[in-house]
Protein backbone atom coordinates (compact mmCIF):
# COMPACT_ATOMS: atom_id res chain seq x y z
CA UNK A 1 -0.27 -0.07 -0.17
CA UNK A 2 2.64 2.48 0.77
CA UNK A 3 4.22 2.06 -2.97
CA UNK A 4 1.11 2.76 -4.54
CA UNK A 5 0.46 5.64 -1.92
CA UNK A 6 4.67 7.25 -2.90
CA UNK A 7 3.42 6.73 -6.92
CA UNK A 8 0.29 9.05 -6.37
CA UNK A 9 2.34 11.45 -4.73
CA UNK A 10 5.22 11.28 -6.94
CA UNK A 11 3.08 12.01 -9.98
CA UNK A 12 0.99 14.24 -8.38
CA UNK A 13 -1.92 11.99 -9.09
CA UNK A 14 -2.77 13.28 -5.72
CA UNK A 15 -2.21 16.95 -4.70
CA UNK A 16 -2.45 18.22 -0.93
CA UNK A 17 -2.83 22.04 -0.17
CA UNK A 18 -4.15 23.32 3.13
CA UNK A 19 -3.47 27.17 2.26
CA UNK A 20 -5.39 26.80 -1.07
CA UNK A 21 -8.32 24.20 -0.67
CA UNK A 22 -9.73 22.54 -3.77
CA UNK A 23 -13.33 22.91 -4.63
CA UNK A 24 -14.92 19.40 -5.24
CA UNK A 25 -17.94 18.80 -7.95
CA UNK A 26 -20.20 19.23 -4.93
CA UNK A 27 -18.95 22.56 -3.94
CA UNK A 28 -16.98 21.71 -0.68
CA UNK A 29 -13.94 22.84 -0.11
CA UNK A 30 -11.16 20.23 0.40
CA UNK A 31 -7.49 19.94 1.11
CA UNK A 32 -7.09 16.75 -1.22
CA UNK A 33 -7.85 16.48 -4.88
CA UNK A 34 -7.02 13.40 -6.50
CA UNK A 35 -7.08 12.34 -10.37
CA UNK A 36 -5.55 8.78 -10.68
CA UNK A 37 -6.06 8.77 -14.37
CA UNK A 38 -2.85 10.40 -14.51
CA UNK A 39 -1.20 7.09 -13.62
CA UNK A 40 -2.21 5.51 -16.87
CA UNK A 41 0.54 8.23 -18.76
CA UNK A 42 3.44 6.23 -16.43
CA UNK A 43 3.99 2.28 -17.91
CA UNK A 44 5.47 1.18 -14.70
CA UNK A 45 2.78 2.76 -12.37
CA UNK A 46 -0.11 1.43 -14.76
CA UNK A 47 1.50 -1.90 -14.73
CA UNK A 48 2.22 -2.08 -11.18
CA UNK A 49 -1.55 -1.32 -10.03
CA UNK A 50 -3.22 -3.52 -12.57
CA UNK A 51 -1.25 -6.01 -11.33
CA UNK A 52 -2.03 -5.48 -7.86
CA UNK A 53 -5.74 -5.83 -8.94
CA UNK A 54 -5.34 -9.13 -10.45
CA UNK A 55 -3.38 -10.58 -7.53
CA UNK A 56 -6.59 -9.36 -5.27
CA UNK A 57 -9.06 -10.61 -7.83
CA UNK A 58 -7.34 -14.10 -8.02
CA UNK A 59 -7.09 -14.09 -4.21
CA UNK A 60 -10.74 -12.95 -3.05
CA UNK A 61 -12.98 -13.48 -6.50
CA UNK A 62 -11.59 -16.37 -8.35
CA UNK A 63 -14.76 -17.27 -9.78
CA UNK A 64 -15.48 -14.04 -11.38
CA UNK A 65 -16.90 -14.42 -15.11
CA UNK A 66 -17.14 -10.60 -15.68
CA UNK A 67 -15.01 -7.73 -15.11
CA UNK A 68 -16.63 -4.11 -15.30
CA UNK A 69 -15.33 -0.86 -15.11
CA UNK A 70 -16.80 2.31 -13.66
CA UNK A 71 -16.60 5.41 -16.27
CA UNK A 72 -14.33 6.92 -16.80
CA UNK A 73 -11.70 6.60 -14.31
CA UNK A 74 -12.21 2.86 -13.99
CA UNK A 75 -12.29 2.06 -17.57
CA UNK A 76 -8.83 1.84 -18.98
CA UNK A 77 -7.39 -0.30 -15.84
CA UNK A 78 -10.57 -2.57 -15.99
CA UNK A 79 -9.76 -3.27 -19.46
CA UNK A 80 -6.14 -3.78 -18.71
CA UNK A 81 -7.06 -6.48 -15.85
CA UNK A 82 -9.72 -7.89 -18.05
CA UNK A 83 -7.05 -8.99 -20.29
CA UNK A 84 -4.63 -10.55 -18.10
CA UNK A 85 -7.37 -12.97 -16.54
CA UNK A 86 -8.66 -13.60 -19.75
CA UNK A 87 -11.93 -12.12 -18.76
CA UNK A 88 -14.99 -10.42 -20.49
CA UNK A 89 -15.22 -6.76 -19.96
CA UNK A 90 -17.84 -4.03 -19.86
CA UNK A 91 -18.05 -0.54 -18.21
CA UNK A 92 -20.86 1.45 -16.86
CA UNK A 93 -21.79 4.72 -17.95
CA UNK A 94 -22.60 7.60 -14.82
CA UNK A 95 -26.26 7.70 -16.72
CA UNK A 96 -27.92 6.18 -19.88
CA UNK A 97 -26.47 7.10 -22.97
CA UNK A 98 -29.02 9.55 -24.34
CA UNK A 99 -29.05 8.05 -28.04
CA UNK A 100 -28.85 4.84 -29.98
CA UNK A 101 -29.74 1.94 -27.50
CA UNK A 102 -29.58 4.23 -24.46
CA UNK A 103 -26.83 1.57 -23.23
CA UNK A 104 -25.88 2.36 -19.36
CA UNK A 105 -23.82 -0.86 -19.52
CA UNK A 106 -21.41 -1.09 -22.50
CA UNK A 107 -20.64 -4.40 -23.59
CA UNK A 108 -22.32 -7.76 -23.29
CA UNK A 109 -23.58 -9.13 -20.00
CA UNK A 110 -25.74 -11.67 -19.50
CA UNK A 111 -28.02 -12.45 -16.46
CA UNK A 112 -26.02 -14.47 -13.49
CA UNK A 113 -22.62 -13.34 -14.27
CA UNK A 114 -20.35 -13.09 -11.24
CA UNK A 115 -18.70 -9.40 -11.71
CA UNK A 116 -15.92 -7.34 -10.05
CA UNK A 117 -16.19 -3.89 -10.45
CA UNK A 118 -13.13 -1.47 -11.09
CA UNK A 119 -12.99 1.89 -9.76
CA UNK A 120 -10.16 4.22 -9.74
CA UNK A 121 -11.40 6.46 -6.88
CA UNK A 122 -13.99 5.91 -3.81
CA UNK A 123 -15.20 9.30 -1.94
CA UNK A 124 -18.54 8.99 -0.43
CA UNK A 125 -18.86 5.76 -2.77
CA UNK A 126 -21.90 7.24 -4.45
CA UNK A 127 -21.06 6.76 -7.61
CA UNK A 128 -19.36 3.82 -7.46
CA UNK A 129 -22.46 2.34 -5.82
CA UNK A 130 -24.61 3.32 -8.80
CA UNK A 131 -22.67 1.37 -11.28
CA UNK A 132 -23.51 -1.76 -8.82
CA UNK A 133 -26.71 -0.82 -8.80
CA UNK A 134 -26.88 -1.04 -12.85
CA UNK A 135 -25.36 -4.50 -12.86
CA UNK A 136 -27.68 -5.94 -10.16
CA UNK A 137 -30.64 -4.50 -12.40
CA UNK A 138 -28.83 -6.53 -15.22
CA UNK A 139 -29.18 -9.56 -13.04
CA UNK A 140 -25.62 -9.77 -12.64
CA UNK A 141 -24.03 -10.85 -8.97
CA UNK A 142 -21.34 -8.19 -7.92
CA UNK A 143 -18.50 -9.96 -5.90
CA UNK A 144 -17.08 -6.91 -4.97
CA UNK A 145 -15.10 -3.98 -5.93
CA UNK A 146 -11.26 -2.82 -6.28
CA UNK A 147 -10.29 0.42 -6.11
CA UNK A 148 -7.03 2.40 -6.56
CA UNK A 149 -7.64 5.10 -3.58
CA UNK A 150 -10.16 5.71 -0.90
CA UNK A 151 -10.69 8.87 1.21
CA UNK A 152 -11.88 6.09 4.12
CA UNK A 153 -14.63 8.50 4.88
CA UNK A 154 -17.29 7.65 7.26
CA UNK A 155 -19.89 7.93 4.90
CA UNK A 156 -18.29 5.69 2.17
CA UNK A 157 -17.63 2.78 4.81
CA UNK A 158 -21.77 3.51 5.91
CA UNK A 159 -22.81 3.28 2.17
CA UNK A 160 -20.83 0.12 1.26
CA UNK A 161 -22.03 -1.47 4.37
CA UNK A 162 -25.82 -0.53 3.70
CA UNK A 163 -25.39 -1.90 -0.17
CA UNK A 164 -23.48 -5.37 0.95
CA UNK A 165 -20.79 -4.47 -1.36
CA UNK A 166 -16.95 -5.70 -0.44
CA UNK A 167 -14.59 -3.10 -1.39
CA UNK A 168 -10.73 -3.65 -1.49
CA UNK A 169 -8.41 -0.77 -2.24
CA UNK A 170 -4.37 -0.64 -2.99
CA UNK A 171 -3.94 2.42 -0.67
CA UNK A 172 -6.01 4.52 1.66
CA UNK A 173 -6.10 8.41 2.84
CA UNK A 174 -4.33 7.48 6.53
CA UNK A 175 -1.67 5.55 4.62
CA UNK A 176 -1.35 8.13 1.93
CA UNK A 177 -0.61 11.03 4.81
CA UNK A 178 1.69 8.95 6.57
CA UNK A 179 3.65 8.94 3.41
CA UNK A 180 3.32 11.92 2.45
CA UNK A 181 4.61 13.14 5.96
CA UNK A 182 7.28 10.58 5.89
CA UNK A 183 8.37 11.51 1.96
CA UNK A 184 8.57 15.52 3.33
CA UNK A 185 5.34 16.19 0.80
CA UNK A 186 3.85 17.90 4.16
CA UNK A 187 4.61 19.53 7.50
CA UNK A 188 3.28 18.26 10.74
CA UNK A 189 0.91 21.40 10.91
CA UNK A 190 -0.33 19.94 7.44
CA UNK A 191 -0.88 16.75 8.84
CA UNK A 192 -2.88 18.34 11.37
CA UNK A 193 -5.23 19.62 9.26
CA UNK A 194 -5.71 16.81 7.10
CA UNK A 195 -6.50 14.59 9.60
CA UNK A 196 -8.97 17.14 10.90
CA UNK A 197 -10.65 17.29 7.41
CA UNK A 198 -10.85 13.51 7.02
CA UNK A 199 -12.74 13.26 10.56
CA UNK A 200 -15.30 15.97 9.58
CA UNK A 201 -14.97 16.95 5.58
CA UNK A 202 -18.22 19.18 6.03
CA UNK A 203 -17.36 20.99 9.16
CA UNK A 204 -13.27 21.13 7.69
CA UNK A 205 -15.31 23.05 4.35
CA UNK A 206 -17.76 25.28 6.30
CA UNK A 207 -14.83 26.96 7.94
CA UNK A 208 -13.46 27.76 4.95
CA UNK A 209 -16.22 28.89 2.76
């Protein structure tokens, strides 16, 4: 987990900034911004992430019939993983396409297939779990989800538990912070504020609006 965290920090897929917080799509302020799609530009890192996903799936979900990527961040890695495992691949759109066949799931799925979902990032889990809903609506059995990174927010943990979805990640927010502090990416004062955000993101954001 430390290796993936270090990779994300090295290539600035994860940016940490207490002084000038980032604005998420929700409008909330956050001291962290994560774009794991950047990893695709680095062959060594891309391959390491793929191999870690493959290992988890072989160990925990060996009976998977299908690999599904969540659009857009999980598409490329999902396809790479499916290729190594020699499994079919599909991806799930955020919403139904507005033309053509109005597909939500792109690719061929069959009722009863056992699926592992590939995601790049889990924040609250809402969008990730909507992809799970789409697969379940297609009468597939979702074995679990694997993601590169999670903020380990309480909301996400509750959402995944409520949805009865297992989540495995290659690294987590606490491990990333530890690696950032050890590697000199952040100061001790930064670390305290970053931990405060994780404990209560809404309060942290409201204090800076």
